[in-house]
């Protein structure tokens, strides 16, 4: 986070599963909730290991002044790896996610499967 003097401050992000950094995966997105100033709530998009696969998750987190902590999972088991995806609050104030590109050939890239799909 950037402090009042423009300096950079780093804080831990505590997630329910460890964040996996591999290629384009890792902590891929952070979007502040509209009421962040009052609640400290935000949303994150990150990669974790599930069995032998890399999966992505969208979760709500809360900043308590010393660290970020995951409070609930919003969407889980999103296949992913390279160029993982993005997270943003849209102009209609809905949380939007893009799943990015995956390395598996068993899941088609269509508008109804996570590879190549956006959600809002």
PDB file of N, CA and C in Angstrom:
ATOM      1  N   UNK A   1       0.854  -1.174   0.000  1.00  0.00           N
ATOM      2  CA  UNK A   1       0.000   0.000   0.000  1.00  0.00           C
ATOM      3  C   UNK A   1       0.894   1.229   0.000  1.00  0.00           C
ATOM      4  N   UNK A   2       0.356   2.322  -0.445  1.00  0.00           N
ATOM      5  CA  UNK A   2       1.102   3.574  -0.483  1.00  0.00           C
ATOM      6  C   UNK A   2       0.669   4.420   0.707  1.00  0.00           C
ATOM      7  N   UNK A   3       1.643   4.858   1.495  1.00  0.00           N
ATOM      8  CA  UNK A   3       1.318   5.653   2.677  1.00  0.00           C
ATOM      9  C   UNK A   3       1.092   7.123   2.296  1.00  0.00           C
ATOM     10  N   UNK A   4       0.781   7.952   3.279  1.00  0.00           N
ATOM     11  CA  UNK A   4       0.448   9.354   3.038  1.00  0.00           C
ATOM     12  C   UNK A   4       1.611  10.131   2.434  1.00  0.00           C
ATOM     13  N   UNK A   5       2.844   9.678   2.645  1.00  0.00           N
ATOM     14  CA  UNK A   5       4.016  10.360   2.103  1.00  0.00           C
ATOM     15  C   UNK A   5       4.435   9.812   0.742  1.00  0.00           C
ATOM     16  N   UNK A   6       3.647   8.865   0.200  1.00  0.00           N
ATOM     17  CA  UNK A   6       3.971   8.285  -1.098  1.00  0.00           C
ATOM     18  C   UNK A   6       4.917   7.105  -1.029  1.00  0.00           C
ATOM     19  N   UNK A   7       5.229   6.660   0.179  1.00  0.00           N
ATOM     20  CA  UNK A   7       6.114   5.497   0.342  1.00  0.00           C
ATOM     21  C   UNK A   7       5.341   4.190   0.219  1.00  0.00           C
ATOM     22  N   UNK A   8       6.039   3.160  -0.175  1.00  0.00           N
ATOM     23  CA  UNK A   8       5.428   1.841  -0.341  1.00  0.00           C
ATOM     24  C   UNK A   8       5.534   1.039   0.947  1.00  0.00           C
ATOM     25  N   UNK A   9       4.407   0.478   1.392  1.00  0.00           N
ATOM     26  CA  UNK A   9       4.378  -0.393   2.561  1.00  0.00           C
ATOM     27  C   UNK A   9       3.853  -1.751   2.124  1.00  0.00           C
ATOM     28  N   UNK A  10       4.509  -2.817   2.563  1.00  0.00           N
ATOM     29  CA  UNK A  10       4.092  -4.175   2.218  1.00  0.00           C
ATOM     30  C   UNK A  10       3.446  -4.843   3.428  1.00  0.00           C
ATOM     31  N   UNK A  11       2.400  -5.635   3.139  1.00  0.00           N
ATOM     32  CA  UNK A  11       1.685  -6.357   4.186  1.00  0.00           C
ATOM     33  C   UNK A  11       1.474  -7.800   3.751  1.00  0.00           C
ATOM     34  N   UNK A  12       1.487  -8.709   4.709  1.00  0.00           N
ATOM     35  CA  UNK A  12       1.218 -10.116   4.421  1.00  0.00           C
ATOM     36  C   UNK A  12      -0.215 -10.293   3.946  1.00  0.00           C
ATOM     37  N   UNK A  13      -0.407 -11.304   3.083  1.00  0.00           N
ATOM     38  CA  UNK A  13      -1.740 -11.714   2.644  1.00  0.00           C
ATOM     39  C   UNK A  13      -1.912 -13.160   3.094  1.00  0.00           C
ATOM     40  N   UNK A  14      -2.795 -13.393   4.051  1.00  0.00           N
ATOM     41  CA  UNK A  14      -3.032 -14.736   4.591  1.00  0.00           C
ATOM     42  C   UNK A  14      -4.209 -15.366   3.856  1.00  0.00           C
ATOM     43  N   UNK A  15      -3.923 -16.478   3.162  1.00  0.00           N
ATOM     44  CA  UNK A  15      -4.942 -17.155   2.366  1.00  0.00           C
ATOM     45  C   UNK A  15      -5.192 -18.554   2.918  1.00  0.00           C
ATOM     46  N   UNK A  16      -6.328 -19.136   2.553  1.00  0.00           N
ATOM     47  CA  UNK A  16      -6.685 -20.463   3.059  1.00  0.00           C
ATOM     48  C   UNK A  16      -5.790 -21.562   2.499  1.00  0.00           C
ATOM     49  N   UNK A  17      -5.224 -21.359   1.328  1.00  0.00           N
ATOM     50  CA  UNK A  17      -4.212 -22.243   0.740  1.00  0.00           C
ATOM     51  C   UNK A  17      -3.040 -21.369   0.331  1.00  0.00           C
ATOM     52  N   UNK A  18      -1.818 -21.885   0.401  1.00  0.00           N
ATOM     53  CA  UNK A  18      -0.665 -21.064   0.011  1.00  0.00           C
ATOM     54  C   UNK A  18      -0.759 -20.605  -1.452  1.00  0.00           C
ATOM     55  N   UNK A  19      -0.360 -19.371  -1.694  1.00  0.00           N
ATOM     56  CA  UNK A  19      -0.311 -18.839  -3.055  1.00  0.00           C
ATOM     57  C   UNK A  19       0.875 -19.481  -3.771  1.00  0.00           C
ATOM     58  N   UNK A  20       0.626 -20.003  -4.984  1.00  0.00           N
ATOM     59  CA  UNK A  20       1.668 -20.643  -5.787  1.00  0.00           C
ATOM     60  C   UNK A  20       2.123 -19.659  -6.858  1.00  0.00           C
ATOM     61  N   UNK A  21       3.437 -19.410  -6.910  1.00  0.00           N
ATOM     62  CA  UNK A  21       4.025 -18.535  -7.926  1.00  0.00           C
ATOM     63  C   UNK A  21       4.734 -19.422  -8.936  1.00  0.00           C
ATOM     64  N   UNK A  22       4.169 -19.529 -10.138  1.00  0.00           N
ATOM     65  CA  UNK A  22       4.743 -20.370 -11.182  1.00  0.00           C
ATOM     66  C   UNK A  22       4.370 -19.766 -12.528  1.00  0.00           C
ATOM     67  N   UNK A  23       5.342 -19.249 -13.247  1.00  0.00           N
ATOM     68  CA  UNK A  23       5.038 -18.604 -14.525  1.00  0.00           C
ATOM     69  C   UNK A  23       4.188 -17.373 -14.300  1.00  0.00           C
ATOM     70  N   UNK A  24       3.025 -17.335 -14.924  1.00  0.00           N
ATOM     71  CA  UNK A  24       2.133 -16.190 -14.802  1.00  0.00           C
ATOM     72  C   UNK A  24       1.136 -16.321 -13.677  1.00  0.00           C
ATOM     73  N   UNK A  25       1.326 -17.286 -12.806  1.00  0.00           N
ATOM     74  CA  UNK A  25       0.381 -17.481 -11.705  1.00  0.00           C
ATOM     75  C   UNK A  25       0.865 -16.750 -10.457  1.00  0.00           C
ATOM     76  N   UNK A  26       0.068 -16.813  -9.402  1.00  0.00           N
ATOM     77  CA  UNK A  26       0.415 -16.163  -8.137  1.00  0.00           C
ATOM     78  C   UNK A  26      -0.738 -15.317  -7.654  1.00  0.00           C
ATOM     79  N   UNK A  27      -0.424 -14.202  -7.011  1.00  0.00           N
ATOM     80  CA  UNK A  27      -1.450 -13.240  -6.610  1.00  0.00           C
ATOM     81  C   UNK A  27      -1.664 -12.330  -7.814  1.00  0.00           C
ATOM     82  N   UNK A  28      -2.741 -12.554  -8.539  1.00  0.00           N
ATOM     83  CA  UNK A  28      -2.928 -11.925  -9.848  1.00  0.00           C
ATOM     84  C   UNK A  28      -3.808 -10.697  -9.832  1.00  0.00           C
ATOM     85  N   UNK A  29      -4.596 -10.520  -8.806  1.00  0.00           N
ATOM     86  CA  UNK A  29      -5.472  -9.363  -8.795  1.00  0.00           C
ATOM     87  C   UNK A  29      -5.920  -8.980  -7.410  1.00  0.00           C
ATOM     88  N   UNK A  30      -6.152  -7.694  -7.248  1.00  0.00           N
ATOM     89  CA  UNK A  30      -6.692  -7.135  -6.015  1.00  0.00           C
ATOM     90  C   UNK A  30      -7.643  -6.022  -6.420  1.00  0.00           C
ATOM     91  N   UNK A  31      -8.847  -6.055  -5.907  1.00  0.00           N
ATOM     92  CA  UNK A  31      -9.834  -5.007  -6.162  1.00  0.00           C
ATOM     93  C   UNK A  31     -10.426  -4.590  -4.828  1.00  0.00           C
ATOM     94  N   UNK A  32     -10.389  -3.307  -4.552  1.00  0.00           N
ATOM     95  CA  UNK A  32     -10.935  -2.803  -3.296  1.00  0.00           C
ATOM     96  C   UNK A  32     -12.449  -2.722  -3.385  1.00  0.00           C
ATOM     97  N   UNK A  33     -13.123  -3.164  -2.321  1.00  0.00           N
ATOM     98  CA  UNK A  33     -14.584  -3.039  -2.248  1.00  0.00           C
ATOM     99  C   UNK A  33     -14.950  -1.561  -2.202  1.00  0.00           C
ATOM    100  N   UNK A  34     -16.142  -1.243  -2.666  1.00  0.00           N
ATOM    101  CA  UNK A  34     -16.595   0.144  -2.687  1.00  0.00           C
ATOM    102  C   UNK A  34     -16.521   0.777  -1.290  1.00  0.00           C
ATOM    103  N   UNK A  35     -16.768  -0.019  -0.262  1.00  0.00           N
ATOM    104  CA  UNK A  35     -16.753   0.484   1.111  1.00  0.00           C
ATOM    105  C   UNK A  35     -15.434   0.186   1.831  1.00  0.00           C
ATOM    106  N   UNK A  36     -14.345  -0.003   1.086  1.00  0.00           N
ATOM    107  CA  UNK A  36     -13.055  -0.353   1.684  1.00  0.00           C
ATOM    108  C   UNK A  36     -12.646   0.593   2.805  1.00  0.00           C
ATOM    109  N   UNK A  37     -12.842   1.891   2.622  1.00  0.00           N
ATOM    110  CA  UNK A  37     -12.452   2.872   3.637  1.00  0.00           C
ATOM    111  C   UNK A  37     -13.114   2.641   4.981  1.00  0.00           C
ATOM    112  N   UNK A  38     -14.328   2.100   4.962  1.00  0.00           N
ATOM    113  CA  UNK A  38     -15.057   1.831   6.205  1.00  0.00           C
ATOM    114  C   UNK A  38     -14.856   0.410   6.725  1.00  0.00           C
ATOM    115  N   UNK A  39     -14.739  -0.560   5.793  1.00  0.00           N
ATOM    116  CA  UNK A  39     -14.723  -1.976   6.197  1.00  0.00           C
ATOM    117  C   UNK A  39     -13.368  -2.665   6.090  1.00  0.00           C
ATOM    118  N   UNK A  40     -12.485  -2.159   5.236  1.00  0.00           N
ATOM    119  CA  UNK A  40     -11.210  -2.832   4.977  1.00  0.00           C
ATOM    120  C   UNK A  40     -11.362  -4.037   4.064  1.00  0.00           C
ATOM    121  N   UNK A  41     -12.529  -4.198   3.419  1.00  0.00           N
ATOM    122  CA  UNK A  41     -12.766  -5.357   2.569  1.00  0.00           C
ATOM    123  C   UNK A  41     -12.267  -5.136   1.149  1.00  0.00           C
ATOM    124  N   UNK A  42     -11.765  -6.223   0.559  1.00  0.00           N
ATOM    125  CA  UNK A  42     -11.295  -6.215  -0.822  1.00  0.00           C
ATOM    126  C   UNK A  42     -11.444  -7.636  -1.362  1.00  0.00           C
ATOM    127  N   UNK A  43     -11.051  -7.822  -2.623  1.00  0.00           N
ATOM    128  CA  UNK A  43     -11.142  -9.124  -3.279  1.00  0.00           C
ATOM    129  C   UNK A  43      -9.802  -9.446  -3.908  1.00  0.00           C
ATOM    130  N   UNK A  44      -9.408 -10.713  -3.848  1.00  0.00           N
ATOM    131  CA  UNK A  44      -8.158 -11.132  -4.466  1.00  0.00           C
ATOM    132  C   UNK A  44      -8.402 -12.310  -5.409  1.00  0.00           C
ATOM    133  N   UNK A  45      -7.495 -12.450  -6.358  1.00  0.00           N
ATOM    134  CA  UNK A  45      -7.524 -13.536  -7.334  1.00  0.00           C
ATOM    135  C   UNK A  45      -6.147 -14.174  -7.263  1.00  0.00           C
ATOM    136  N   UNK A  46      -6.087 -15.457  -6.876  1.00  0.00           N
ATOM    137  CA  UNK A  46      -4.777 -16.081  -6.696  1.00  0.00           C
ATOM    138  C   UNK A  46      -4.770 -17.544  -7.111  1.00  0.00           C
ATOM    139  N   UNK A  47      -3.556 -18.066  -7.295  1.00  0.00           N
ATOM    140  CA  UNK A  47      -3.335 -19.450  -7.697  1.00  0.00           C
ATOM    141  C   UNK A  47      -2.939 -20.279  -6.484  1.00  0.00           C
ATOM    142  N   UNK A  48      -3.446 -21.510  -6.419  1.00  0.00           N
ATOM    143  CA  UNK A  48      -3.094 -22.447  -5.359  1.00  0.00           C
ATOM    144  C   UNK A  48      -2.966 -23.840  -5.972  1.00  0.00           C
ATOM    145  N   UNK A  49      -2.378 -24.759  -5.237  1.00  0.00           N
ATOM    146  CA  UNK A  49      -2.217 -26.137  -5.712  1.00  0.00           C
ATOM    147  C   UNK A  49      -3.361 -26.997  -5.198  1.00  0.00           C
ATOM    148  N   UNK A  50      -3.990 -27.733  -6.123  1.00  0.00           N
ATOM    149  CA  UNK A  50      -5.052 -28.682  -5.777  1.00  0.00           C
ATOM    150  C   UNK A  50      -4.629 -30.018  -6.372  1.00  0.00           C
ATOM    151  N   UNK A  51      -4.238 -30.944  -5.513  1.00  0.00           N
ATOM    152  CA  UNK A  51      -3.658 -32.215  -5.956  1.00  0.00           C
ATOM    153  C   UNK A  51      -2.430 -31.893  -6.809  1.00  0.00           C
ATOM    154  N   UNK A  52      -2.400 -32.292  -8.066  1.00  0.00           N
ATOM    155  CA  UNK A  52      -1.233 -32.026  -8.908  1.00  0.00           C
ATOM    156  C   UNK A  52      -1.501 -30.912  -9.919  1.00  0.00           C
ATOM    157  N   UNK A  53      -2.598 -30.182  -9.747  1.00  0.00           N
ATOM    158  CA  UNK A  53      -2.959 -29.120 -10.684  1.00  0.00           C
ATOM    159  C   UNK A  53      -2.894 -27.754 -10.017  1.00  0.00           C
ATOM    160  N   UNK A  54      -2.675 -26.742 -10.835  1.00  0.00           N
ATOM    161  CA  UNK A  54      -2.781 -25.372 -10.355  1.00  0.00           C
ATOM    162  C   UNK A  54      -4.194 -24.884 -10.624  1.00  0.00           C
ATOM    163  N   UNK A  55      -4.796 -24.292  -9.606  1.00  0.00           N
ATOM    164  CA  UNK A  55      -6.153 -23.767  -9.711  1.00  0.00           C
ATOM    165  C   UNK A  55      -6.131 -22.317  -9.230  1.00  0.00           C
ATOM    166  N   UNK A  56      -7.143 -21.569  -9.618  1.00  0.00           N
ATOM    167  CA  UNK A  56      -7.277 -20.183  -9.189  1.00  0.00           C
ATOM    168  C   UNK A  56      -8.514 -20.022  -8.323  1.00  0.00           C
ATOM    169  N   UNK A  57      -8.478 -18.993  -7.512  1.00  0.00           N
ATOM    170  CA  UNK A  57      -9.571 -18.731  -6.568  1.00  0.00           C
ATOM    171  C   UNK A  57      -9.803 -17.227  -6.463  1.00  0.00           C
ATOM    172  N   UNK A  58     -11.062 -16.854  -6.335  1.00  0.00           N
ATOM    173  CA  UNK A  58     -11.427 -15.473  -6.025  1.00  0.00           C
ATOM    174  C   UNK A  58     -11.959 -15.481  -4.604  1.00  0.00           C
ATOM    175  N   UNK A  59     -11.390 -14.623  -3.766  1.00  0.00           N
ATOM    176  CA  UNK A  59     -11.762 -14.611  -2.353  1.00  0.00           C
ATOM    177  C   UNK A  59     -11.923 -13.186  -1.855  1.00  0.00           C
ATOM    178  N   UNK A  60     -12.730 -13.058  -0.832  1.00  0.00           N
ATOM    179  CA  UNK A  60     -12.846 -11.791  -0.123  1.00  0.00           C
ATOM    180  C   UNK A  60     -11.767 -11.764   0.947  1.00  0.00           C
ATOM    181  N   UNK A  61     -11.144 -10.614   1.121  1.00  0.00           N
ATOM    182  CA  UNK A  61     -10.134 -10.443   2.166  1.00  0.00           C
ATOM    183  C   UNK A  61     -10.455  -9.192   2.962  1.00  0.00           C
ATOM    184  N   UNK A  62      -9.868  -9.112   4.138  1.00  0.00           N
ATOM    185  CA  UNK A  62     -10.049  -7.943   4.979  1.00  0.00           C
ATOM    186  C   UNK A  62      -8.679  -7.458   5.430  1.00  0.00           C
ATOM    187  N   UNK A  63      -8.486  -6.156   5.366  1.00  0.00           N
ATOM    188  CA  UNK A  63      -7.260  -5.532   5.847  1.00  0.00           C
ATOM    189  C   UNK A  63      -7.532  -4.971   7.231  1.00  0.00           C
ATOM    190  N   UNK A  64      -6.749  -5.441   8.223  1.00  0.00           N
ATOM    191  CA  UNK A  64      -6.990  -5.036   9.609  1.00  0.00           C
ATOM    192  C   UNK A  64      -6.004  -3.984  10.112  1.00  0.00           C
ATOM    193  N   UNK A  65      -5.205  -3.435   9.200  1.00  0.00           N
ATOM    194  CA  UNK A  65      -4.209  -2.436   9.592  1.00  0.00           C
ATOM    195  C   UNK A  65      -2.818  -3.023   9.702  1.00  0.00           C
ATOM    196  N   UNK A  66      -2.717  -4.356   9.791  1.00  0.00           N
ATOM    197  CA  UNK A  66      -1.405  -5.001   9.882  1.00  0.00           C
ATOM    198  C   UNK A  66      -1.196  -6.072   8.819  1.00  0.00           C
ATOM    199  N   UNK A  67      -2.281  -6.652   8.298  1.00  0.00           N
ATOM    200  CA  UNK A  67      -2.189  -7.709   7.290  1.00  0.00           C
ATOM    201  C   UNK A  67      -3.541  -7.876   6.600  1.00  0.00           C
ATOM    202  N   UNK A  68      -3.507  -8.576   5.469  1.00  0.00           N
ATOM    203  CA  UNK A  68      -4.727  -8.970   4.756  1.00  0.00           C
ATOM    204  C   UNK A  68      -5.038 -10.400   5.135  1.00  0.00           C
ATOM    205  N   UNK A  69      -6.307 -10.707   5.385  1.00  0.00           N
ATOM    206  CA  UNK A  69      -6.701 -12.076   5.720  1.00  0.00           C
ATOM    207  C   UNK A  69      -7.916 -12.498   4.921  1.00  0.00           C
ATOM    208  N   UNK A  70      -7.857 -13.696   4.373  1.00  0.00           N
ATOM    209  CA  UNK A  70      -8.992 -14.226   3.609  1.00  0.00           C
ATOM    210  C   UNK A  70     -10.159 -14.472   4.548  1.00  0.00           C
ATOM    211  N   UNK A  71     -11.336 -13.962   4.181  1.00  0.00           N
ATOM    212  CA  UNK A  71     -12.523 -14.139   5.022  1.00  0.00           C
ATOM    213  C   UNK A  71     -13.527 -15.105   4.419  1.00  0.00           C
ATOM    214  N   UNK A  72     -13.570 -15.198   3.078  1.00  0.00           N
ATOM    215  CA  UNK A  72     -14.432 -16.195   2.450  1.00  0.00           C
ATOM    216  C   UNK A  72     -14.045 -16.370   0.987  1.00  0.00           C
ATOM    217  N   UNK A  73     -14.284 -17.583   0.509  1.00  0.00           N
ATOM    218  CA  UNK A  73     -14.045 -17.918  -0.888  1.00  0.00           C
ATOM    219  C   UNK A  73     -15.307 -17.594  -1.677  1.00  0.00           C
ATOM    220  N   UNK A  74     -15.152 -16.830  -2.742  1.00  0.00           N
ATOM    221  CA  UNK A  74     -16.294 -16.475  -3.586  1.00  0.00           C
ATOM    222  C   UNK A  74     -16.434 -17.424  -4.773  1.00  0.00           C
ATOM    223  N   UNK A  75     -15.314 -17.820  -5.362  1.00  0.00           N
ATOM    224  CA  UNK A  75     -15.320 -18.720  -6.514  1.00  0.00           C
ATOM    225  C   UNK A  75     -14.038 -19.527  -6.481  1.00  0.00           C
ATOM    226  N   UNK A  76     -14.172 -20.827  -6.653  1.00  0.00           N
ATOM    227  CA  UNK A  76     -13.044 -21.736  -6.458  1.00  0.00           C
ATOM    228  C   UNK A  76     -12.889 -22.667  -7.652  1.00  0.00           C
ATOM    229  N   UNK A  77     -11.759 -23.347  -7.711  1.00  0.00           N
ATOM    230  CA  UNK A  77     -11.486 -24.367  -8.730  1.00  0.00           C
ATOM    231  C   UNK A  77     -11.533 -23.814 -10.147  1.00  0.00           C
ATOM    232  N   UNK A  78     -11.044 -22.594 -10.330  1.00  0.00           N
ATOM    233  CA  UNK A  78     -10.940 -22.023 -11.676  1.00  0.00           C
ATOM    234  C   UNK A  78      -9.644 -22.552 -12.268  1.00  0.00           C
ATOM    235  N   UNK A  79      -9.706 -23.319 -13.376  1.00  0.00           N
ATOM    236  CA  UNK A  79      -8.459 -23.833 -13.942  1.00  0.00           C
ATOM    237  C   UNK A  79      -7.594 -22.683 -14.426  1.00  0.00           C
ATOM    238  N   UNK A  80      -6.300 -22.837 -14.250  1.00  0.00           N
ATOM    239  CA  UNK A  80      -5.449 -21.756 -14.720  1.00  0.00           C
ATOM    240  C   UNK A  80      -3.987 -22.023 -14.508  1.00  0.00           C
ATOM    241  N   UNK A  81      -3.209 -21.212 -15.182  1.00  0.00           N
ATOM    242  CA  UNK A  81      -1.768 -21.262 -15.036  1.00  0.00           C
ATOM    243  C   UNK A  81      -1.166 -20.019 -15.664  1.00  0.00           C
ATOM    244  N   UNK A  82      -0.712 -20.105 -16.873  1.00  0.00           N
ATOM    245  CA  UNK A  82      -0.042 -18.996 -17.535  1.00  0.00           C
ATOM    246  C   UNK A  82      -0.989 -17.820 -17.746  1.00  0.00           C
ATOM    247  N   UNK A  83      -0.502 -16.626 -17.587  1.00  0.00           N
ATOM    248  CA  UNK A  83      -1.284 -15.402 -17.801  1.00  0.00           C
ATOM    249  C   UNK A  83      -2.596 -15.431 -17.043  1.00  0.00           C
ATOM    250  N   UNK A  84      -2.561 -15.976 -15.857  1.00  0.00           N
ATOM    251  CA  UNK A  84      -3.655 -16.273 -14.976  1.00  0.00           C
ATOM    252  C   UNK A  84      -4.971 -15.571 -15.063  1.00  0.00           C
ATOM    253  N   UNK A  85      -5.063 -14.282 -15.117  1.00  0.00           N
ATOM    254  CA  UNK A  85      -6.352 -13.622 -15.135  1.00  0.00           C
ATOM    255  C   UNK A  85      -6.291 -12.272 -14.453  1.00  0.00           C
ATOM    256  N   UNK A  86      -7.410 -11.599 -14.436  1.00  0.00           N
ATOM    257  CA  UNK A  86      -7.489 -10.265 -13.862  1.00  0.00           C
ATOM    258  C   UNK A  86      -8.754 -10.125 -13.025  1.00  0.00           C
ATOM    259  N   UNK A  87      -8.754  -9.122 -12.176  1.00  0.00           N
ATOM    260  CA  UNK A  87      -9.875  -8.852 -11.283  1.00  0.00           C
ATOM    261  C   UNK A  87     -10.073  -7.347 -11.238  1.00  0.00           C
ATOM    262  N   UNK A  88     -11.325  -6.898 -11.302  1.00  0.00           N
ATOM    263  CA  UNK A  88     -11.613  -5.455 -11.261  1.00  0.00           C
ATOM    264  C   UNK A  88     -13.055  -5.233 -10.834  1.00  0.00           C
ATOM    265  N   UNK A  89     -13.320  -4.043 -10.352  1.00  0.00           N
ATOM    266  CA  UNK A  89     -14.684  -3.604 -10.096  1.00  0.00           C
ATOM    267  C   UNK A  89     -15.136  -2.850 -11.349  1.00  0.00           C
ATOM    268  N   UNK A  90     -16.241  -3.294 -11.953  1.00  0.00           N
ATOM    269  CA  UNK A  90     -16.739  -2.683 -13.181  1.00  0.00           C
ATOM    270  C   UNK A  90     -17.476  -1.395 -12.911  1.00  0.00           C
ATOM    271  N   UNK A  91     -17.840  -0.681 -13.989  1.00  0.00           N
ATOM    272  CA  UNK A  91     -18.549   0.594 -13.834  1.00  0.00           C
ATOM    273  C   UNK A  91     -19.914   0.442 -13.160  1.00  0.00           C
ATOM    274  N   UNK A  92     -20.463  -0.785 -13.190  1.00  0.00           N
ATOM    275  CA  UNK A  92     -21.741  -1.047 -12.518  1.00  0.00           C
ATOM    276  C   UNK A  92     -21.524  -1.496 -11.073  1.00  0.00           C
ATOM    277  N   UNK A  93     -20.262  -1.418 -10.604  1.00  0.00           N
ATOM    278  CA  UNK A  93     -19.835  -1.777  -9.245  1.00  0.00           C
ATOM    279  C   UNK A  93     -19.885  -3.275  -8.982  1.00  0.00           C
ATOM    280  N   UNK A  94     -19.991  -4.095 -10.023  1.00  0.00           N
ATOM    281  CA  UNK A  94     -19.905  -5.549  -9.871  1.00  0.00           C
ATOM    282  C   UNK A  94     -18.454  -5.980  -9.948  1.00  0.00           C
ATOM    283  N   UNK A  95     -18.119  -7.040  -9.238  1.00  0.00           N
ATOM    284  CA  UNK A  95     -16.786  -7.620  -9.299  1.00  0.00           C
ATOM    285  C   UNK A  95     -16.680  -8.413 -10.595  1.00  0.00           C
ATOM    286  N   UNK A  96     -15.654  -8.150 -11.384  1.00  0.00           N
ATOM    287  CA  UNK A  96     -15.463  -8.813 -12.677  1.00  0.00           C
ATOM    288  C   UNK A  96     -14.143  -9.562 -12.667  1.00  0.00           C
ATOM    289  N   UNK A  97     -14.138 -10.740 -13.290  1.00  0.00           N
ATOM    290  CA  UNK A  97     -12.917 -11.545 -13.373  1.00  0.00           C
ATOM    291  C   UNK A  97     -12.749 -12.066 -14.778  1.00  0.00           C
ATOM    292  N   UNK A  98     -11.490 -12.193 -15.183  1.00  0.00           N
ATOM    293  CA  UNK A  98     -11.137 -12.816 -16.453  1.00  0.00           C
ATOM    294  C   UNK A  98     -10.242 -13.992 -16.110  1.00  0.00           C
ATOM    295  N   UNK A  99     -10.570 -15.163 -16.640  1.00  0.00           N
ATOM    296  CA  UNK A  99      -9.862 -16.381 -16.255  1.00  0.00           C
ATOM    297  C   UNK A  99      -8.509 -16.552 -16.925  1.00  0.00           C
ATOM    298  N   UNK A 100      -8.216 -15.819 -17.963  1.00  0.00           N
ATOM    299  CA  UNK A 100      -6.917 -15.936 -18.607  1.00  0.00           C
ATOM    300  C   UNK A 100      -6.763 -17.205 -19.414  1.00  0.00           C
ATOM    301  N   UNK A 101      -5.526 -17.608 -19.603  1.00  0.00           N
ATOM    302  CA  UNK A 101      -5.174 -18.722 -20.471  1.00  0.00           C
ATOM    303  C   UNK A 101      -4.717 -19.905 -19.633  1.00  0.00           C
ATOM    304  N   UNK A 102      -5.136 -21.118 -19.998  1.00  0.00           N
ATOM    305  CA  UNK A 102      -4.707 -22.316 -19.283  1.00  0.00           C
ATOM    306  C   UNK A 102      -3.930 -23.223 -20.218  1.00  0.00           C
ATOM    307  N   UNK A 103      -3.151 -24.132 -19.643  1.00  0.00           N
ATOM    308  CA  UNK A 103      -2.295 -25.005 -20.449  1.00  0.00           C
ATOM    309  C   UNK A 103      -2.926 -26.344 -20.759  1.00  0.00           C
ATOM    310  N   UNK A 104      -4.109 -26.613 -20.265  1.00  0.00           N
ATOM    311  CA  UNK A 104      -4.743 -27.896 -20.516  1.00  0.00           C
ATOM    312  C   UNK A 104      -5.487 -27.890 -21.855  1.00  0.00           C
ATOM    313  N   UNK A 105      -5.440 -29.010 -22.557  1.00  0.00           N
ATOM    314  CA  UNK A 105      -6.171 -29.132 -23.815  1.00  0.00           C
ATOM    315  C   UNK A 105      -7.485 -29.872 -23.619  1.00  0.00           C
ATOM    316  N   UNK A 106      -7.777 -30.292 -22.391  1.00  0.00           N
ATOM    317  CA  UNK A 106      -9.007 -31.039 -22.130  1.00  0.00           C
ATOM    318  C   UNK A 106     -10.199 -30.138 -21.868  1.00  0.00           C
ATOM    319  N   UNK A 107      -9.962 -28.842 -21.684  1.00  0.00           N
ATOM    320  CA  UNK A 107     -11.048 -27.898 -21.426  1.00  0.00           C
ATOM    321  C   UNK A 107     -11.122 -26.951 -22.619  1.00  0.00           C
ATOM    322  N   UNK A 108     -12.238 -26.909 -23.329  1.00  0.00           N
ATOM    323  CA  UNK A 108     -12.339 -26.024 -24.496  1.00  0.00           C
ATOM    324  C   UNK A 108     -12.387 -24.557 -24.098  1.00  0.00           C
ATOM    325  N   UNK A 109     -11.942 -23.696 -24.994  1.00  0.00           N
ATOM    326  CA  UNK A 109     -12.014 -22.250 -24.783  1.00  0.00           C
ATOM    327  C   UNK A 109     -13.304 -21.748 -25.400  1.00  0.00           C
ATOM    328  N   UNK A 110     -14.338 -21.655 -24.589  1.00  0.00           N
ATOM    329  CA  UNK A 110     -15.633 -21.169 -25.055  1.00  0.00           C
ATOM    330  C   UNK A 110     -16.151 -20.153 -24.061  1.00  0.00           C
ATOM    331  N   UNK A 111     -17.255 -19.528 -24.387  1.00  0.00           N
ATOM    332  CA  UNK A 111     -17.831 -18.530 -23.480  1.00  0.00           C
ATOM    333  C   UNK A 111     -18.504 -19.166 -22.271  1.00  0.00           C
ATOM    334  N   UNK A 112     -18.621 -20.491 -22.226  1.00  0.00           N
ATOM    335  CA  UNK A 112     -19.271 -21.148 -21.096  1.00  0.00           C
ATOM    336  C   UNK A 112     -18.304 -21.925 -20.214  1.00  0.00           C
ATOM    337  N   UNK A 113     -17.015 -21.962 -20.567  1.00  0.00           N
ATOM    338  CA  UNK A 113     -16.018 -22.596 -19.714  1.00  0.00           C
ATOM    339  C   UNK A 113     -15.053 -21.520 -19.247  1.00  0.00           C
ATOM    340  N   UNK A 114     -14.359 -21.751 -18.144  1.00  0.00           N
ATOM    341  CA  UNK A 114     -13.510 -20.716 -17.579  1.00  0.00           C
ATOM    342  C   UNK A 114     -12.384 -20.266 -18.489  1.00  0.00           C
ATOM    343  N   UNK A 115     -11.694 -21.161 -19.213  1.00  0.00           N
ATOM    344  CA  UNK A 115     -10.660 -20.627 -20.104  1.00  0.00           C
ATOM    345  C   UNK A 115     -11.280 -19.718 -21.156  1.00  0.00           C
ATOM    346  N   UNK A 116     -10.855 -18.490 -21.214  1.00  0.00           N
ATOM    347  CA  UNK A 116     -11.377 -17.567 -22.204  1.00  0.00           C
ATOM    348  C   UNK A 116     -12.675 -16.890 -21.812  1.00  0.00           C
ATOM    349  N   UNK A 117     -13.102 -17.026 -20.596  1.00  0.00           N
ATOM    350  CA  UNK A 117     -14.395 -16.478 -20.153  1.00  0.00           C
ATOM    351  C   UNK A 117     -14.193 -15.330 -19.180  1.00  0.00           C
ATOM    352  N   UNK A 118     -15.050 -14.367 -19.246  1.00  0.00           N
ATOM    353  CA  UNK A 118     -15.077 -13.285 -18.261  1.00  0.00           C
ATOM    354  C   UNK A 118     -16.371 -13.388 -17.479  1.00  0.00           C
ATOM    355  N   UNK A 119     -16.317 -12.997 -16.235  1.00  0.00           N
ATOM    356  CA  UNK A 119     -17.500 -13.048 -15.383  1.00  0.00           C
ATOM    357  C   UNK A 119     -17.683 -11.689 -14.754  1.00  0.00           C
ATOM    358  N   UNK A 120     -18.902 -11.256 -14.649  1.00  0.00           N
ATOM    359  CA  UNK A 120     -19.123  -9.949 -14.031  1.00  0.00           C
ATOM    360  C   UNK A 120     -20.469  -9.861 -13.403  1.00  0.00           C
TER     361      UNK A 120
END
